[in-house]
């Protein structure tokens, strides 16, 4: 049980209290915790509670988080992921670039049009 007292000394945001309670109580894996922090846009929680010394990350889990951070335009998360070992050189494959350019958050077939314009 987590108790949140509104207006108490050292008060925190209610979203911070809810997310912290979720992370403590859910026994979720580190990638799932990172996904939650990313969805809630709380890089401070990711930095202080998820990226802890000695944390082992499954292969590909940070790359998926990077993809999500780029699609959601979470610049602070992109910086945090780079600080914690994501190599943009290895991450930005042609298929990922195409996926990023053609995300539903932007116009469709953007990469196709860019390549077509370069060929002209």
Protein backbone atom coordinates (compact mmCIF):
# COMPACT_ATOMS: atom_id res chain seq x y z
CA UNK A 1 0.00 0.00 0.00
CA UNK A 2 1.28 3.42 -0.95
CA UNK A 3 -0.09 6.47 0.86
CA UNK A 4 -0.02 9.83 -0.89
CA UNK A 5 -0.66 12.94 1.16
CA UNK A 6 -1.61 15.95 -0.92
CA UNK A 7 0.03 19.16 0.20
CA UNK A 8 2.39 17.48 2.66
CA UNK A 9 6.01 18.53 3.22
CA UNK A 10 8.21 17.45 0.31
CA UNK A 11 5.08 16.96 -1.75
CA UNK A 12 5.34 15.22 -5.10
CA UNK A 13 3.17 15.26 -8.16
CA UNK A 14 0.34 12.77 -8.04
CA UNK A 15 1.50 11.23 -11.33
CA UNK A 16 4.92 10.63 -9.79
CA UNK A 17 3.32 8.95 -6.77
CA UNK A 18 1.13 6.72 -8.96
CA UNK A 19 4.00 5.72 -11.25
CA UNK A 20 6.31 5.03 -8.31
CA UNK A 21 3.63 2.85 -6.70
CA UNK A 22 3.15 0.97 -9.99
CA UNK A 23 6.86 0.34 -10.33
CA UNK A 24 7.18 -0.85 -6.73
CA UNK A 25 4.09 -3.03 -6.67
CA UNK A 26 4.00 -4.60 -10.11
CA UNK A 27 7.31 -6.53 -10.00
CA UNK A 28 7.59 -5.71 -13.70
CA UNK A 29 10.73 -6.36 -15.71
CA UNK A 30 13.13 -3.49 -16.36
CA UNK A 31 11.98 -3.12 -20.00
CA UNK A 32 8.34 -2.97 -18.86
CA UNK A 33 9.22 -0.39 -16.21
CA UNK A 34 11.06 1.66 -18.83
CA UNK A 35 8.05 1.44 -21.12
CA UNK A 36 5.82 2.78 -18.33
CA UNK A 37 8.18 5.65 -17.57
CA UNK A 38 8.37 6.45 -21.28
CA UNK A 39 4.58 6.42 -21.65
CA UNK A 40 4.26 8.75 -18.63
CA UNK A 41 7.17 10.89 -19.93
CA UNK A 42 9.05 10.63 -16.62
CA UNK A 43 12.72 10.54 -17.53
CA UNK A 44 13.57 11.42 -13.92
CA UNK A 45 12.08 8.12 -12.74
CA UNK A 46 13.81 6.19 -15.52
CA UNK A 47 17.13 7.75 -14.55
CA UNK A 48 16.82 7.25 -10.78
CA UNK A 49 14.87 4.00 -10.43
CA UNK A 50 15.17 1.98 -13.64
CA UNK A 51 18.68 2.60 -14.97
CA UNK A 52 20.42 1.42 -11.84
CA UNK A 53 23.97 0.12 -11.58
CA UNK A 54 24.29 -3.52 -12.61
CA UNK A 55 20.91 -3.72 -14.35
CA UNK A 56 20.96 -6.38 -17.07
CA UNK A 57 18.91 -5.56 -20.17
CA UNK A 58 17.58 -8.23 -22.54
CA UNK A 59 18.95 -7.97 -26.08
CA UNK A 60 16.89 -5.52 -28.11
CA UNK A 61 14.93 -4.04 -25.20
CA UNK A 62 16.74 -0.71 -25.27
CA UNK A 63 16.39 -0.53 -29.05
CA UNK A 64 12.60 -0.85 -28.75
CA UNK A 65 12.61 1.87 -26.11
CA UNK A 66 14.68 4.07 -28.45
CA UNK A 67 12.20 3.51 -31.26
CA UNK A 68 9.32 4.44 -28.96
CA UNK A 69 11.17 7.51 -27.67
CA UNK A 70 11.86 8.74 -31.20
CA UNK A 71 8.28 8.15 -32.37
CA UNK A 72 6.88 9.91 -29.29
CA UNK A 73 9.44 12.74 -29.62
CA UNK A 74 10.84 12.22 -26.11
CA UNK A 75 14.23 13.92 -26.49
CA UNK A 76 15.30 13.42 -22.87
CA UNK A 77 14.66 9.68 -23.18
CA UNK A 78 16.71 9.53 -26.39
CA UNK A 79 19.60 11.19 -24.54
CA UNK A 80 19.20 8.82 -21.58
CA UNK A 81 19.19 5.75 -23.82
CA UNK A 82 22.32 6.93 -25.63
CA UNK A 83 23.99 7.52 -22.25
CA UNK A 84 23.11 3.94 -21.32
CA UNK A 85 24.59 2.23 -24.33
CA UNK A 86 22.26 2.51 -27.33
CA UNK A 87 24.42 3.07 -30.39
CA UNK A 88 22.67 5.17 -33.02
CA UNK A 89 25.10 3.76 -35.58
CA UNK A 90 23.78 0.23 -34.97
CA UNK A 91 20.22 1.31 -34.21
CA UNK A 92 19.47 3.28 -37.38
CA UNK A 93 19.12 0.49 -39.92
CA UNK A 94 17.34 1.10 -43.21
CA UNK A 95 14.23 -0.69 -42.01
CA UNK A 96 14.13 1.36 -38.79
CA UNK A 97 14.63 4.60 -40.71
CA UNK A 98 11.76 3.64 -42.98
CA UNK A 99 9.61 2.79 -39.96
CA UNK A 100 10.44 6.12 -38.31
CA UNK A 101 9.73 8.15 -41.43
CA UNK A 102 6.46 6.32 -42.08
CA UNK A 103 5.14 6.36 -38.53
CA UNK A 104 1.47 7.10 -38.07
CA UNK A 105 2.47 10.34 -36.35
CA UNK A 106 3.60 11.78 -39.68
CA UNK A 107 2.56 11.63 -43.32
CA UNK A 108 2.64 8.21 -44.96
CA UNK A 109 5.41 7.23 -47.39
CA UNK A 110 7.64 10.12 -46.34
CA UNK A 111 10.83 8.10 -46.88
CA UNK A 112 9.66 7.06 -50.35
CA UNK A 113 9.11 10.69 -51.33
CA UNK A 114 12.47 11.77 -49.87
CA UNK A 115 14.34 9.08 -51.81
CA UNK A 116 12.39 9.89 -54.98
CA UNK A 117 13.24 13.60 -54.64
CA UNK A 118 16.94 12.83 -54.10
CA UNK A 119 17.04 10.68 -57.27
CA UNK A 120 15.68 13.55 -59.41
